[in-house]
């Protein structure tokens, strides 16, 4: 209808939006300090969240670490908590206590991410035991993947989880 099928040259990128939607404001994040980028970690648009996270990690400014930990502890936006956690990981600043605290986050995505990040801390294995009772399949899948890397004790957790969900491959 609009003739977009007529363009066959490489490199043409179209921004496709619904006709009832208005395009959002174009972001300008280059040159912003990590503290200014922090607010974008909870933006409704995934591109903004991912770009803010990437820029914070690229800047490698460790002064943002306490702010990221505060977001994980206190922010109401689960996507912002999730991106803050992965940003900490990207900055190589995800400490044991923050990761362990995130095991009990309200949002299953944050819990699953914290389990994945805990792979770097084998001494947190015993803290993972209580997560085997979680009701989120995504969390349990990550727990099984993480538990496979550890000891004989974790095999019992995997068996318990598998027994609870016999029809889930």
Protein backbone atom coordinates (compact mmCIF):
# COMPACT_ATOMS: atom_id res chain seq x y z
CA UNK A 1 0.00 0.00 0.00
CA UNK A 2 2.80 2.43 0.85
CA UNK A 3 5.27 1.11 -1.73
CA UNK A 4 7.85 -0.16 0.76
CA UNK A 5 8.21 -3.35 -1.27
CA UNK A 6 9.66 -1.32 -4.17
CA UNK A 7 12.94 -0.49 -2.37
CA UNK A 8 15.54 -3.20 -2.85
CA UNK A 9 18.75 -1.33 -2.08
CA UNK A 10 20.69 -2.46 0.98
CA UNK A 11 20.90 -0.28 4.02
CA UNK A 12 17.41 1.17 4.07
CA UNK A 13 15.87 0.81 7.53
CA UNK A 14 12.30 1.75 8.19
CA UNK A 15 10.82 2.55 11.53
CA UNK A 16 7.53 0.72 11.54
CA UNK A 17 4.88 1.87 13.97
CA UNK A 18 1.16 1.39 14.22
CA UNK A 19 -0.79 4.14 12.46
CA UNK A 20 -2.52 5.03 15.73
CA UNK A 21 0.80 5.42 17.57
CA UNK A 22 2.92 8.51 17.62
CA UNK A 23 6.67 7.95 17.53
CA UNK A 24 8.35 8.61 20.85
CA UNK A 25 10.96 11.25 21.47
CA UNK A 26 14.37 10.30 20.14
CA UNK A 27 16.74 9.52 22.99
CA UNK A 28 19.98 11.38 23.53
CA UNK A 29 22.08 9.42 26.00
CA UNK A 30 25.56 9.96 24.62
CA UNK A 31 27.57 12.16 26.94
CA UNK A 32 25.30 11.63 29.94
CA UNK A 33 26.83 10.67 33.26
CA UNK A 34 25.96 7.27 34.79
CA UNK A 35 23.73 8.92 37.41
CA UNK A 36 21.74 10.55 34.61
CA UNK A 37 21.45 7.22 32.79
CA UNK A 38 20.17 5.44 35.88
CA UNK A 39 16.59 6.62 35.34
CA UNK A 40 16.51 5.00 31.89
CA UNK A 41 17.06 1.51 33.36
CA UNK A 42 13.33 1.46 34.09
CA UNK A 43 12.11 3.03 30.85
CA UNK A 44 9.12 1.30 29.18
CA UNK A 45 11.07 1.08 25.90
CA UNK A 46 13.54 -1.82 25.98
CA UNK A 47 15.99 -0.06 23.66
CA UNK A 48 16.34 2.78 26.16
CA UNK A 49 16.88 0.33 29.05
CA UNK A 50 19.46 -1.72 27.17
CA UNK A 51 21.32 1.31 25.86
CA UNK A 52 21.46 2.96 29.28
CA UNK A 53 22.76 -0.27 30.79
CA UNK A 54 25.36 -0.64 28.04
CA UNK A 55 26.56 2.96 28.39
CA UNK A 56 26.90 2.67 32.17
CA UNK A 57 28.93 -0.51 31.79
CA UNK A 58 31.11 1.01 29.04
CA UNK A 59 31.88 4.03 31.21
CA UNK A 60 32.96 1.65 34.01
CA UNK A 61 32.36 4.38 36.60
CA UNK A 62 32.28 2.48 39.89
CA UNK A 63 30.79 5.47 41.72
CA UNK A 64 27.35 4.38 40.41
CA UNK A 65 27.49 1.04 42.29
CA UNK A 66 25.77 2.26 45.50
CA UNK A 67 22.97 3.80 43.42
CA UNK A 68 22.47 0.52 41.54
CA UNK A 69 22.33 -1.43 44.80
CA UNK A 70 19.78 1.07 46.12
CA UNK A 71 17.62 0.51 43.01
CA UNK A 72 17.73 -3.26 43.55
CA UNK A 73 16.77 -2.86 47.21
CA UNK A 74 14.12 -0.14 46.97
CA UNK A 75 12.78 0.58 43.50
CA UNK A 76 9.20 -0.43 42.65
CA UNK A 77 9.93 -1.02 38.95
CA UNK A 78 10.94 -4.67 38.43
CA UNK A 79 12.55 -3.97 35.04
CA UNK A 80 14.68 -1.26 36.60
CA UNK A 81 15.75 -3.67 39.37
CA UNK A 82 16.57 -6.31 36.75
CA UNK A 83 18.66 -3.95 34.64
CA UNK A 84 20.37 -2.56 37.73
CA UNK A 85 21.36 -6.10 38.72
CA UNK A 86 22.75 -6.90 35.27
CA UNK A 87 24.51 -3.52 35.21
CA UNK A 88 26.22 -4.42 38.48
CA UNK A 89 27.28 -7.70 36.92
CA UNK A 90 28.62 -5.83 33.88
CA UNK A 91 30.63 -3.56 36.16
CA UNK A 92 31.97 -6.64 37.97
CA UNK A 93 30.42 -5.23 41.14
CA UNK A 94 27.64 -7.73 41.91
CA UNK A 95 28.71 -8.68 45.43
CA UNK A 96 27.50 -11.76 47.34
CA UNK A 97 25.10 -9.90 49.62
CA UNK A 98 23.33 -8.05 46.80
CA UNK A 99 23.01 -11.23 44.74
CA UNK A 100 21.75 -13.17 47.76
CA UNK A 101 19.24 -10.41 48.57
CA UNK A 102 17.91 -10.56 45.01
CA UNK A 103 17.13 -14.29 45.45
CA UNK A 104 13.95 -13.20 47.25
CA UNK A 105 12.90 -10.36 44.93
CA UNK A 106 9.17 -10.04 44.19
CA UNK A 107 9.77 -10.39 40.45
CA UNK A 108 10.65 -13.79 38.98
CA UNK A 109 12.98 -12.23 36.37
CA UNK A 110 15.11 -10.62 39.06
CA UNK A 111 15.21 -13.89 41.03
CA UNK A 112 16.23 -15.87 37.95
CA UNK A 113 18.93 -13.33 37.06
CA UNK A 114 20.31 -13.37 40.59
CA UNK A 115 20.59 -17.16 40.46
CA UNK A 116 22.43 -16.95 37.16
CA UNK A 117 24.80 -14.31 38.51
CA UNK A 118 25.39 -16.41 41.64
CA UNK A 119 27.37 -18.86 39.48
CA UNK A 120 30.39 -16.69 40.19
CA UNK A 121 29.99 -17.39 43.93
CA UNK A 122 30.00 -21.18 44.55
CA UNK A 123 29.78 -20.50 48.30
CA UNK A 124 26.19 -19.26 47.76
CA UNK A 125 25.08 -22.77 46.77
CA UNK A 126 23.52 -23.45 50.18
CA UNK A 127 21.54 -20.21 49.90
CA UNK A 128 19.94 -21.54 46.72
CA UNK A 129 18.36 -24.49 48.52
CA UNK A 130 15.27 -22.54 49.62
CA UNK A 131 14.64 -21.39 46.05
CA UNK A 132 13.73 -24.96 45.06
CA UNK A 133 10.26 -24.21 46.51
CA UNK A 134 9.75 -21.25 44.13
CA UNK A 135 6.61 -21.42 41.98
CA UNK A 136 8.06 -19.72 38.90
CA UNK A 137 9.09 -22.14 36.17
CA UNK A 138 11.68 -19.62 34.88
CA UNK A 139 13.29 -19.41 38.32
CA UNK A 140 13.32 -23.19 38.68
CA UNK A 141 14.82 -23.65 35.22
CA UNK A 142 17.67 -21.31 36.13
CA UNK A 143 18.10 -23.03 39.48
CA UNK A 144 18.45 -26.39 37.72
CA UNK A 145 20.99 -24.97 35.27
CA UNK A 146 22.98 -23.47 38.13
CA UNK A 147 22.67 -26.55 40.37
CA UNK A 148 24.13 -28.76 37.66
CA UNK A 149 27.44 -26.98 38.12
CA UNK A 150 27.73 -27.76 41.80
CA UNK A 151 27.87 -30.82 44.05
CA UNK A 152 25.97 -33.99 44.84
CA UNK A 153 23.63 -32.16 47.23
CA UNK A 154 22.22 -30.04 44.41
CA UNK A 155 21.23 -33.18 42.49
CA UNK A 156 18.57 -33.78 45.14
CA UNK A 157 17.10 -30.30 44.48
CA UNK A 158 16.94 -31.01 40.77
CA UNK A 159 15.20 -34.32 41.40
CA UNK A 160 12.71 -32.68 43.78
CA UNK A 161 11.88 -30.01 41.21
CA UNK A 162 11.60 -32.55 38.40
CA UNK A 163 9.28 -34.68 40.53
CA UNK A 164 7.01 -31.66 41.13
CA UNK A 165 6.69 -31.03 37.39
CA UNK A 166 6.78 -34.47 35.73
CA UNK A 167 5.13 -33.24 32.51
CA UNK A 168 7.54 -30.35 32.01
CA UNK A 169 10.46 -31.39 29.84
